[in-house]
Amino acid sequence: MPGGIRLKGASDLVAPFLFLLLLCAALLPAPTLAATSTLCSYAHVDERARVVYVFDGDTVKLQDGRRVRLIGINTPELGHAGAANEALASAARDTLQQILAAGGHSVLLQYGTEQHDHYGRLLAHVFLENGDNVAVQLLQKGLATTLVVPPNTWGMSCYQQREDDARSARTGLWRLDHYQATDSTALPKDSRGFRIVRGRVTAVRQTRRSTWIDLAGLLTLRIDNRNRSYFPDAALESLRDREIEVRGWLRPAGQRLQMTVQHPAALVALTSAVAP
C-alpha cells in the first residue's frame, strides 16, 4: 500500500494508512499522453529513444550513450572481475534483449522524480511504443524483484502485484531456494547480498540519525532519517512483537547483520502482535 507498511492478516492497521494512500494518489503526475490499456502503463512520456545495448536485466544504453537504469525492479547481477553470475542473471539480460528487439529497440521513457542515481545513470520507467511496460514483462516472467527507492515510487503497487503473481506461481527466481523467505533466527552470521527474511520484531528504537528495528536472531533493520517520513510512527510502533517479512541487502555490522530499508514497500506485517 503506498505510503504504509503492507499488511497481511492485520486489518486493524489499515486505517492509519488511508490518508497516505490518498496523498500518494494526489501526487501522481497527470497523464499528458494517452497510453494503451496495458498493465502499469505510463502516466506520461518524457522522451522517445533507441536502445543500442543491454548491459544486464535492468540497465541499457541509449543511442546517445546514456545509460538507463529501469525504475521499480532489480534483476540478478552478472558476474564481474571473475565473479560468477547470480542465478538467472543471463536469462534476465537475454529476455530484456528479446523484449526490446520485439519492439524494434524503440522505447518511451518516463523519468523518475529523481532522474539520476549515484552512478550517473538516467532513472526511468521504460515502455515499448505500444505502451507495454518492460519492467512488467520481467516481473511476470519471474526474472526481477520489485525495488522501491524513494522518491521514485510511481507504479509500485502495480509492480508489486505482478511480482506477487509470479511468486505465487513459483515462476523463475521464485522457484529458487535463495528467493524463499528465510527465518531471521536461521541466518548465518556470514550472510551477504539480497535476501527475503521473516522474523519477529523484538525492538523498535530511535537514534539521532536512524530508526532501528531488531528481529529475533542477528538481524537489525535500519531506516535512515532521510527516509523516515515514509514510515508513519504508528505503523512502526505497531510492529513490536509482530511477524514481518522484509527484503533487502544484508551486510555485517559488528556482531550482527544489518539491512537498510528505504521504503515501507520492503516490509510486510504478517500477523497481529504475538506473545514474546
Protein backbone atom coordinates (compact mmCIF):
# COMPACT_ATOMS: atom_id res chain seq x y z
CA MET A 1 0.00 0.00 0.00
CA PRO A 2 1.57 3.32 -1.00
CA GLY A 3 2.95 5.26 1.94
CA GLY A 4 2.45 2.49 4.51
CA ILE A 5 3.76 -0.90 5.51
CA ARG A 6 2.00 -3.61 3.56
CA LEU A 7 -0.21 -5.79 5.74
CA LYS A 8 -1.40 -9.37 5.52
CA GLY A 9 -3.95 -10.55 8.05
CA ALA A 10 -3.78 -7.29 10.01
CA SER A 11 -6.86 -5.28 9.06
CA ASP A 12 -6.69 -3.38 12.35
CA LEU A 13 -3.78 -1.37 10.98
CA VAL A 14 -5.23 -0.39 7.61
CA ALA A 15 -6.98 2.79 8.71
CA PRO A 16 -3.82 4.76 9.68
CA PHE A 17 -2.57 4.38 6.10
CA LEU A 18 -5.64 5.62 4.23
CA PHE A 19 -4.53 9.25 4.43
CA LEU A 20 -1.13 8.35 2.95
CA LEU A 21 -2.77 6.35 0.19
CA LEU A 22 -4.89 9.34 -0.80
CA LEU A 23 -1.88 11.63 -0.59
CA CYS A 24 0.19 9.42 -2.89
CA ALA A 25 -2.67 9.26 -5.39
CA ALA A 26 -2.94 13.05 -5.38
CA LEU A 27 0.77 13.40 -6.10
CA LEU A 28 0.85 11.12 -9.14
CA PRO A 29 1.66 13.05 -12.35
CA ALA A 30 -1.32 13.79 -14.54
CA PRO A 31 -1.31 11.94 -17.89
CA THR A 32 -0.12 14.04 -20.78
CA LEU A 33 -0.16 11.36 -23.48
CA ALA A 34 -2.75 8.63 -23.88
CA ALA A 35 -1.44 5.12 -23.32
CA THR A 36 -2.79 1.76 -24.38
CA SER A 37 -4.65 -0.29 -21.77
CA THR A 38 -1.65 -2.35 -20.69
CA LEU A 39 -0.52 -3.24 -17.18
CA CYS A 40 1.30 -0.44 -15.33
CA SER A 41 1.22 1.78 -18.41
CA TYR A 42 2.81 5.21 -18.49
CA ALA A 43 1.37 8.33 -16.94
CA HIS A 44 3.27 10.48 -19.44
CA VAL A 45 6.16 10.22 -21.86
CA ASP A 46 9.25 12.35 -21.30
CA GLU A 47 11.31 11.08 -24.21
CA ARG A 48 11.42 8.67 -27.13
CA ALA A 49 14.76 6.93 -27.50
CA ARG A 50 16.53 3.98 -29.09
CA VAL A 51 18.32 1.26 -27.13
CA VAL A 52 21.58 0.06 -28.65
CA TYR A 53 22.95 -2.20 -25.90
CA VAL A 54 21.72 -4.23 -22.93
CA PHE A 55 24.14 -4.44 -20.01
CA ASP A 56 22.00 -6.67 -17.82
CA GLY A 57 18.39 -7.26 -16.90
CA ASP A 58 17.75 -3.73 -15.64
CA THR A 59 20.29 -1.46 -17.36
CA VAL A 60 20.53 -0.42 -21.02
CA LYS A 61 22.46 2.00 -23.22
CA LEU A 62 20.74 4.54 -25.45
CA GLN A 63 21.89 5.61 -28.90
CA ASP A 64 23.32 8.87 -27.49
CA GLY A 65 25.46 6.95 -24.99
CA ARG A 66 23.40 7.48 -21.84
CA ARG A 67 22.82 4.54 -19.54
CA VAL A 68 19.29 3.97 -18.26
CA ARG A 69 18.52 2.07 -15.05
CA LEU A 70 14.95 0.76 -15.05
CA ILE A 71 12.97 2.07 -12.08
CA GLY A 72 10.96 -0.27 -9.90
CA ILE A 73 12.79 -3.56 -10.35
CA ASN A 74 16.05 -5.32 -9.61
CA THR A 75 17.42 -8.25 -11.58
CA PRO A 76 20.18 -10.74 -10.67
CA GLU A 77 23.72 -9.47 -11.12
CA LEU A 78 26.06 -10.63 -13.88
CA GLY A 79 29.48 -11.55 -12.55
CA HIS A 80 32.35 -9.08 -12.85
CA ALA A 81 36.09 -9.44 -12.37
CA GLY A 82 35.89 -13.22 -12.39
CA ALA A 83 32.88 -13.48 -10.10
CA ALA A 84 30.14 -15.93 -11.06
CA ASN A 85 26.80 -14.76 -12.40
CA GLU A 86 23.91 -14.78 -9.96
CA ALA A 87 21.20 -17.30 -10.77
CA LEU A 88 19.13 -16.36 -13.86
CA ALA A 89 21.18 -13.19 -14.45
CA SER A 90 21.90 -14.21 -18.04
CA ALA A 91 18.26 -15.16 -18.56
CA ALA A 92 17.15 -11.72 -17.35
CA ARG A 93 19.57 -9.95 -19.72
CA ASP A 94 18.66 -12.15 -22.68
CA THR A 95 14.93 -11.72 -22.04
CA LEU A 96 15.32 -7.95 -21.88
CA GLN A 97 17.17 -8.08 -25.21
CA GLN A 98 14.31 -10.09 -26.73
CA ILE A 99 11.64 -7.73 -25.39
CA LEU A 100 13.42 -4.69 -26.80
CA ALA A 101 14.11 -6.39 -30.14
CA ALA A 102 10.42 -7.24 -30.48
CA GLY A 103 9.70 -3.52 -30.12
CA GLY A 104 12.31 -2.54 -32.69
CA HIS A 105 14.58 -1.19 -29.92
CA SER A 106 12.48 1.99 -29.81
CA VAL A 107 11.34 2.92 -26.31
CA LEU A 108 9.36 5.52 -24.41
CA LEU A 109 10.86 6.86 -21.21
CA GLN A 110 9.04 8.18 -18.17
CA TYR A 111 11.66 9.80 -15.93
CA GLY A 112 11.73 9.29 -12.20
CA THR A 113 11.16 12.09 -9.71
CA GLU A 114 14.87 11.67 -9.05
CA GLN A 115 16.32 11.42 -12.53
CA HIS A 116 19.84 10.11 -11.89
CA ASP A 117 21.44 7.69 -9.47
CA HIS A 118 24.87 8.00 -7.84
CA TYR A 119 26.42 6.24 -10.85
CA GLY A 120 25.09 8.97 -13.16
CA ARG A 121 22.60 6.65 -14.85
CA LEU A 122 19.26 8.04 -16.02
CA LEU A 123 16.42 6.60 -13.91
CA ALA A 124 13.30 5.88 -15.92
CA HIS A 125 10.36 3.58 -16.47
CA VAL A 126 10.79 2.03 -19.92
CA PHE A 127 7.93 1.23 -22.30
CA LEU A 128 7.68 -0.10 -25.83
CA GLU A 129 5.98 2.04 -28.45
CA ASN A 130 2.74 0.08 -27.97
CA GLY A 131 2.71 1.04 -24.28
CA ASP A 132 3.92 -2.28 -22.90
CA ASN A 133 5.87 -1.81 -19.67
CA VAL A 134 9.25 -3.54 -19.94
CA ALA A 135 9.64 -4.00 -16.18
CA VAL A 136 6.24 -5.71 -16.00
CA GLN A 137 7.31 -8.32 -18.54
CA LEU A 138 10.41 -9.16 -16.49
CA LEU A 139 8.37 -9.34 -13.28
CA GLN A 140 5.77 -11.60 -14.88
CA LYS A 141 8.49 -13.99 -16.04
CA GLY A 142 9.96 -14.13 -12.54
CA LEU A 143 13.23 -12.59 -13.70
CA ALA A 144 13.06 -9.48 -11.49
CA THR A 145 12.05 -8.47 -8.00
CA THR A 146 10.39 -5.21 -7.09
CA LEU A 147 12.61 -2.42 -5.75
CA VAL A 148 11.28 0.88 -4.41
CA VAL A 149 13.91 3.61 -3.94
CA PRO A 150 12.25 6.86 -2.89
CA PRO A 151 11.36 9.34 -4.16
CA ASN A 152 10.80 7.19 -7.26
CA THR A 153 7.64 5.44 -6.05
CA TRP A 154 5.41 5.71 -9.13
CA GLY A 155 3.83 2.40 -10.13
CA MET A 156 4.99 0.48 -7.07
CA SER A 157 1.61 -1.10 -6.23
CA CYS A 158 1.11 -2.26 -9.82
CA TYR A 159 4.63 -3.69 -9.97
CA GLN A 160 4.14 -5.42 -6.63
CA GLN A 161 1.04 -7.18 -7.89
CA ARG A 162 2.94 -8.50 -10.89
CA GLU A 163 5.66 -9.85 -8.58
CA ASP A 164 3.08 -11.36 -6.22
CA ASP A 165 1.52 -13.23 -9.15
CA ALA A 166 4.89 -14.65 -10.27
CA ARG A 167 5.81 -15.54 -6.71
CA SER A 168 2.53 -17.37 -6.14
CA ALA A 169 3.11 -19.35 -9.34
CA ARG A 170 6.76 -20.04 -8.38
CA THR A 171 7.92 -18.65 -11.70
CA GLY A 172 11.60 -18.00 -12.48
CA LEU A 173 13.51 -16.74 -9.44
CA TRP A 174 10.67 -17.78 -7.16
CA ARG A 175 11.49 -21.45 -7.76
CA LEU A 176 14.93 -20.98 -6.24
CA ASP A 177 15.78 -21.65 -2.60
CA HIS A 178 17.66 -18.36 -2.37
CA TYR A 179 14.48 -16.38 -3.03
CA GLN A 180 12.39 -18.17 -0.42
CA ALA A 181 11.89 -16.31 2.86
CA THR A 182 14.49 -17.26 5.49
CA ASP A 183 13.68 -17.21 9.20
CA SER A 184 15.67 -14.45 10.90
CA THR A 185 16.86 -16.86 13.58
CA ALA A 186 18.35 -19.13 10.91
CA LEU A 187 20.52 -16.51 9.17
CA PRO A 188 24.21 -17.41 9.34
CA LYS A 189 26.45 -14.61 10.59
CA ASP A 190 28.29 -14.52 7.24
CA SER A 191 25.07 -13.93 5.22
CA ARG A 192 25.50 -11.41 2.41
CA GLY A 193 23.56 -9.99 -0.52
CA PHE A 194 19.88 -9.81 -1.35
CA ARG A 195 17.60 -11.86 0.90
CA ILE A 196 13.97 -12.08 1.91
CA VAL A 197 13.70 -12.61 5.67
CA ARG A 198 10.84 -13.37 8.04
CA GLY A 199 11.05 -12.85 11.77
CA ARG A 200 9.53 -11.43 14.92
CA VAL A 201 10.23 -7.80 15.78
CA THR A 202 11.79 -7.64 19.24
CA ALA A 203 12.50 -3.89 19.45
CA VAL A 204 11.92 -0.59 17.64
CA ARG A 205 14.27 2.21 18.70
CA GLN A 206 15.29 5.66 17.54
CA THR A 207 18.72 7.32 17.44
CA ARG A 208 19.73 10.73 16.17
CA ARG A 209 20.22 9.57 12.59
CA SER A 210 18.23 6.36 12.22
CA THR A 211 15.36 4.17 13.33
CA TRP A 212 16.36 0.60 14.20
CA ILE A 213 14.17 -2.49 14.13
CA ASP A 214 15.60 -5.62 15.76
CA LEU A 215 14.40 -9.04 14.67
CA ALA A 216 14.78 -12.28 16.59
CA GLY A 217 18.24 -13.61 15.83
CA LEU A 218 21.05 -11.43 14.48
CA LEU A 219 19.26 -9.09 12.09
CA THR A 220 18.72 -5.35 12.63
CA LEU A 221 16.87 -3.18 10.09
CA ARG A 222 17.96 0.42 9.63
CA ILE A 223 15.78 3.28 8.37
CA ASP A 224 17.78 6.42 7.67
CA ASN A 225 16.14 9.63 8.88
CA ARG A 226 16.08 10.99 5.33
CA ASN A 227 13.51 8.27 4.53
CA ARG A 228 11.77 8.36 7.90
CA SER A 229 8.85 10.43 6.60
CA TYR A 230 7.67 7.43 4.55
CA PHE A 231 7.14 5.41 7.75
CA PRO A 232 4.23 6.56 9.94
CA ASP A 233 5.07 6.49 13.65
CA ALA A 234 2.01 4.42 14.47
CA ALA A 235 2.92 1.83 11.82
CA LEU A 236 6.44 1.40 13.19
CA GLU A 237 5.28 1.13 16.79
CA SER A 238 2.68 -1.44 15.77
CA LEU A 239 5.42 -3.76 14.52
CA ARG A 240 6.56 -4.68 18.02
CA ASP A 241 6.11 -8.43 18.57
CA ARG A 242 4.71 -8.92 15.07
CA GLU A 243 5.99 -11.35 12.49
CA ILE A 244 7.18 -9.42 9.43
CA GLU A 245 8.72 -10.15 6.06
CA VAL A 246 11.44 -7.79 4.87
CA ARG A 247 13.66 -7.68 1.81
CA GLY A 248 16.97 -6.04 1.07
CA TRP A 249 20.72 -6.49 1.10
CA LEU A 250 22.45 -7.99 4.14
CA ARG A 251 25.81 -6.80 5.40
CA PRO A 252 27.82 -7.35 8.59
CA ALA A 253 27.52 -4.82 11.41
CA GLY A 254 29.66 -5.74 14.38
CA GLN A 255 28.30 -8.93 15.88
CA ARG A 256 25.01 -8.63 13.98
CA LEU A 257 23.68 -8.41 10.46
CA GLN A 258 22.16 -5.22 9.09
CA MET A 259 19.69 -4.46 6.30
CA THR A 260 18.80 -0.93 5.17
CA VAL A 261 15.10 -0.38 4.47
CA GLN A 262 14.34 2.67 2.31
CA HIS A 263 10.58 2.42 1.91
CA PRO A 264 7.62 0.63 3.57
CA ALA A 265 7.13 -1.38 0.38
CA ALA A 266 10.02 -3.54 1.59
CA LEU A 267 8.07 -4.55 4.73
CA VAL A 268 5.06 -6.82 5.09
CA ALA A 269 3.42 -7.23 8.50
CA LEU A 270 2.30 -10.85 8.51
CA THR A 271 0.49 -11.18 11.83
CA SER A 272 -1.01 -9.36 14.75
CA ALA A 273 1.16 -8.97 17.83
CA VAL A 274 2.28 -12.26 19.34
CA ALA A 275 3.48 -13.04 22.81
CA PRO A 276 7.24 -12.59 23.27
